[in-house]
Amino acid sequence: MVAIADKKAKWNEAYSDADIASALPALVLAENDFVLPLTGGDALDLACGRAGNAQFLARKGFVVDALDNSKVVLQHLSQFIDETKLLINPVLRDVEAEGLADKKYDVIVVSYFLYRDLFPQIIKQLKPNGLLFYQTWASPCEGLEAAGPKSQKFRLQDGELLSLCAPLKTLFYSENKSLGDTTRGLRNEAMIVAKKK
């Protein structure tokens, strides 16, 4: 129980001065938004942080659940929603302890959050033809700056994201590692856009 309390305290502290308005969507969503349903629908920004993905989706006509375990960041988000009137529902939930609620989504976006045990639930909560946009840290490449978490627990192994999303149809996948010109492209990260069959 101490670990859960420490984790929540850590994220509440990190988001104490959260600037919600300046948050940007993950590249995996921003660069592949052309595959989003044109009619909108229900979306989930999982481990939303400052809710850049939620804001992006809400502006495209989605009703978005922005889920996080930090009460502080969701308070900032609630104030932002009051001002902007975006259709975003802040949801306080520790998915590592509680899992996901039993609700289906047309789109689920996850960026820079990795809890492997949650993948079956994420896939289950997608509606038929629902889309998953996922981007997070991968194991660092030798000779490249290793931004992100130090612990391998929070980094994907080579090809792991494809394996975790195997029940879905892959539409886009990127894991550049140290191939080619390492001054370009997204390094030490992996991303996928996948559709429920």
Protein backbone atom coordinates (compact mmCIF):
# COMPACT_ATOMS: atom_id res chain seq x y z
CA MET A 1 0.00 0.00 0.00
CA VAL A 2 2.95 2.33 0.68
CA ALA A 3 4.16 1.91 -2.91
CA ILE A 4 0.76 2.97 -4.29
CA ALA A 5 0.66 6.00 -1.99
CA ASP A 6 4.24 6.93 -2.97
CA LYS A 7 3.41 6.60 -6.67
CA LYS A 8 0.35 8.84 -6.37
CA ALA A 9 2.31 11.40 -4.35
CA LYS A 10 5.06 11.40 -6.98
CA TRP A 11 2.65 12.15 -9.82
CA ASN A 12 0.64 14.68 -7.80
CA GLU A 13 3.90 16.54 -7.12
CA ALA A 14 4.97 16.31 -10.77
CA TYR A 15 1.69 17.86 -11.92
CA SER A 16 1.36 20.52 -9.21
CA ASP A 17 1.96 23.29 -11.78
CA ALA A 18 0.56 21.47 -14.83
CA ASP A 19 -0.01 23.71 -17.85
CA ILE A 20 -2.88 21.89 -19.52
CA ALA A 21 -3.34 24.40 -22.35
CA SER A 22 0.16 23.81 -23.76
CA ALA A 23 -0.12 19.99 -23.85
CA LEU A 24 0.44 18.36 -27.23
CA PRO A 25 -0.78 15.01 -28.54
CA ALA A 26 1.61 12.10 -28.93
CA LEU A 27 3.26 11.85 -32.34
CA VAL A 28 1.62 8.50 -32.98
CA LEU A 29 -1.78 10.23 -32.82
CA ALA A 30 -0.89 13.55 -34.44
CA GLU A 31 0.85 11.95 -37.42
CA ASN A 32 -1.77 9.24 -37.99
CA ASP A 33 -4.96 11.14 -37.22
CA PHE A 34 -6.15 10.59 -40.80
CA VAL A 35 -7.30 7.07 -39.84
CA LEU A 36 -9.61 8.36 -37.08
CA PRO A 37 -13.35 7.88 -37.64
CA LEU A 38 -14.73 11.01 -39.32
CA THR A 39 -17.89 10.77 -37.21
CA GLY A 40 -16.07 10.98 -33.86
CA GLY A 41 -17.17 8.60 -31.13
CA ASP A 42 -16.01 7.58 -27.66
CA ALA A 43 -12.31 7.81 -26.83
CA LEU A 44 -10.02 7.07 -23.91
CA ASP A 45 -6.79 8.94 -23.12
CA LEU A 46 -5.22 6.39 -20.76
CA ALA A 47 -2.73 7.74 -18.19
CA CYS A 48 -3.57 11.11 -19.68
CA GLY A 49 -1.17 13.38 -17.78
CA ARG A 50 -1.81 16.90 -19.11
CA ALA A 51 -4.33 15.41 -21.56
CA GLY A 52 -2.78 16.48 -24.85
CA ASN A 53 -4.31 13.44 -26.54
CA ALA A 54 -7.71 14.09 -24.97
CA GLN A 55 -7.72 17.72 -26.12
CA PHE A 56 -6.73 16.72 -29.64
CA LEU A 57 -9.47 14.10 -29.87
CA ALA A 58 -12.14 16.33 -28.32
CA ARG A 59 -11.38 19.00 -30.93
CA LYS A 60 -11.99 16.33 -33.58
CA GLY A 61 -15.47 15.58 -32.26
CA PHE A 62 -14.81 12.75 -29.82
CA VAL A 63 -16.22 12.47 -26.31
CA VAL A 64 -13.11 11.63 -24.31
CA ASP A 65 -12.51 9.97 -20.94
CA ALA A 66 -9.18 11.34 -19.66
CA LEU A 67 -8.01 8.81 -17.09
CA ASP A 68 -5.14 9.29 -14.66
CA ASN A 69 -4.16 8.37 -11.09
CA SER A 70 -3.15 11.97 -10.24
CA LYS A 71 -5.93 13.90 -8.56
CA VAL A 72 -3.90 17.08 -9.01
CA VAL A 73 -3.59 16.89 -12.79
CA LEU A 74 -7.29 16.08 -13.12
CA GLN A 75 -8.16 19.14 -11.03
CA HIS A 76 -6.14 21.29 -13.44
CA LEU A 77 -7.85 19.53 -16.35
CA SER A 78 -11.31 20.16 -14.86
CA GLN A 79 -10.60 23.91 -14.69
CA PHE A 80 -9.41 23.83 -18.30
CA ILE A 81 -12.58 21.99 -19.39
CA ASP A 82 -14.75 24.58 -17.62
CA GLU A 83 -13.03 27.31 -19.65
CA THR A 84 -12.92 25.54 -23.03
CA LYS A 85 -16.14 23.48 -22.86
CA LEU A 86 -14.36 20.56 -24.53
CA LEU A 87 -16.14 17.20 -24.17
CA ILE A 88 -13.59 15.63 -21.84
CA ASN A 89 -14.50 13.64 -18.73
CA PRO A 90 -11.71 13.53 -16.12
CA VAL A 91 -11.56 10.05 -14.53
CA LEU A 92 -9.49 9.33 -11.41
CA ARG A 93 -8.37 5.70 -11.51
CA ASP A 94 -5.26 3.70 -10.74
CA VAL A 95 -5.40 1.15 -13.55
CA GLU A 96 -2.49 -0.84 -12.14
CA ALA A 97 -4.54 -1.52 -9.00
CA GLU A 98 -8.11 -1.36 -10.36
CA GLY A 99 -7.86 -2.16 -14.08
CA LEU A 100 -10.08 -0.45 -16.64
CA ALA A 101 -13.79 0.18 -16.22
CA ASP A 102 -16.06 -1.95 -18.41
CA LYS A 103 -16.68 0.63 -21.15
CA LYS A 104 -16.11 0.29 -24.90
CA TYR A 105 -14.25 2.85 -26.99
CA ASP A 106 -13.82 3.71 -30.65
CA VAL A 107 -10.32 5.02 -29.93
CA ILE A 108 -7.82 4.40 -27.11
CA VAL A 109 -4.59 6.40 -26.90
CA VAL A 110 -1.70 5.57 -24.57
CA SER A 111 1.51 7.57 -24.51
CA TYR A 112 4.53 7.08 -22.27
CA PHE A 113 2.83 4.62 -19.95
CA LEU A 114 3.62 0.92 -19.87
CA TYR A 115 1.82 -1.65 -17.77
CA ARG A 116 1.98 -4.89 -19.71
CA ASP A 117 -0.77 -6.66 -17.75
CA LEU A 118 -3.26 -4.07 -19.01
CA PHE A 119 -2.98 -4.92 -22.72
CA PRO A 120 -5.69 -7.64 -22.73
CA GLN A 121 -8.09 -5.18 -21.10
CA ILE A 122 -7.18 -2.39 -23.52
CA ILE A 123 -7.89 -4.69 -26.44
CA LYS A 124 -11.14 -5.92 -24.84
CA GLN A 125 -12.38 -2.35 -24.30
CA LEU A 126 -12.01 -1.45 -27.99
CA LYS A 127 -15.24 -1.58 -29.99
CA PRO A 128 -15.23 -3.61 -33.23
CA ASN A 129 -12.99 -1.68 -35.68
CA GLY A 130 -11.78 0.41 -32.74
CA LEU A 131 -8.31 1.94 -32.98
CA LEU A 132 -5.39 1.81 -30.56
CA PHE A 133 -2.68 4.49 -30.77
CA TYR A 134 0.23 3.53 -28.50
CA GLN A 135 3.63 5.18 -28.08
CA THR A 136 6.17 4.63 -25.32
CA TRP A 137 9.82 4.13 -24.45
CA ALA A 138 11.79 1.23 -25.89
CA SER A 139 15.06 -0.24 -24.69
CA PRO A 140 17.83 2.27 -25.38
CA CYS A 141 20.21 1.79 -28.28
CA GLU A 142 23.92 1.78 -27.64
CA GLY A 143 25.45 5.12 -28.50
CA LEU A 144 22.14 7.03 -28.41
CA GLU A 145 21.02 9.30 -25.61
CA ALA A 146 18.62 7.32 -23.41
CA ALA A 147 15.83 9.72 -22.48
CA GLY A 148 12.97 8.32 -20.44
CA PRO A 149 12.85 5.92 -17.50
CA LYS A 150 15.98 4.19 -16.24
CA SER A 151 14.18 0.99 -15.29
CA GLN A 152 13.76 -1.62 -18.05
CA LYS A 153 10.39 -2.42 -16.45
CA PHE A 154 9.04 0.72 -18.10
CA ARG A 155 10.71 0.15 -21.48
CA LEU A 156 9.63 -2.14 -24.31
CA GLN A 157 11.98 -4.81 -25.59
CA ASP A 158 12.63 -5.12 -29.34
CA GLY A 159 9.39 -5.99 -31.12
CA GLU A 160 7.48 -6.31 -27.85
CA LEU A 161 4.79 -3.78 -28.74
CA LEU A 162 3.89 -5.82 -31.83
CA SER A 163 3.58 -8.94 -29.66
CA LEU A 164 1.43 -7.20 -27.07
CA CYS A 165 -0.89 -5.97 -29.82
CA ALA A 166 -0.89 -9.27 -31.77
CA PRO A 167 -4.70 -9.77 -31.50
CA LEU A 168 -5.15 -6.48 -33.40
CA LYS A 169 -4.50 -5.65 -37.06
CA THR A 170 -1.39 -3.45 -37.32
CA LEU A 171 -1.92 -0.35 -39.48
CA PHE A 172 1.36 1.40 -38.63
CA TYR A 173 4.42 0.45 -36.60
CA SER A 174 7.70 2.23 -35.94
CA GLU A 175 10.73 1.23 -33.93
CA ASN A 176 13.72 2.95 -35.56
CA LYS A 177 16.35 1.93 -33.00
CA SER A 178 19.82 2.86 -34.35
CA LEU A 179 19.18 2.26 -38.05
CA GLY A 180 20.39 4.81 -40.57
CA ASP A 181 20.73 8.50 -39.73
CA THR A 182 20.23 8.61 -35.96
CA THR A 183 19.91 12.43 -36.02
CA ARG A 184 16.48 11.93 -37.60
CA GLY A 185 13.42 9.96 -36.62
CA LEU A 186 12.11 8.90 -33.24
CA ARG A 187 14.75 6.89 -31.36
CA ASN A 188 14.45 4.73 -28.24
CA GLU A 189 10.68 4.66 -28.64
CA ALA A 190 8.13 2.42 -30.30
CA MET A 191 4.71 3.28 -31.63
CA ILE A 192 1.80 1.47 -33.17
CA VAL A 193 -1.62 2.16 -34.65
CA ALA A 194 -3.73 -0.99 -34.63
CA LYS A 195 -7.36 -1.88 -35.30
CA LYS A 196 -9.62 -4.39 -33.57
CA LYS A 197 -10.55 -7.11 -36.04
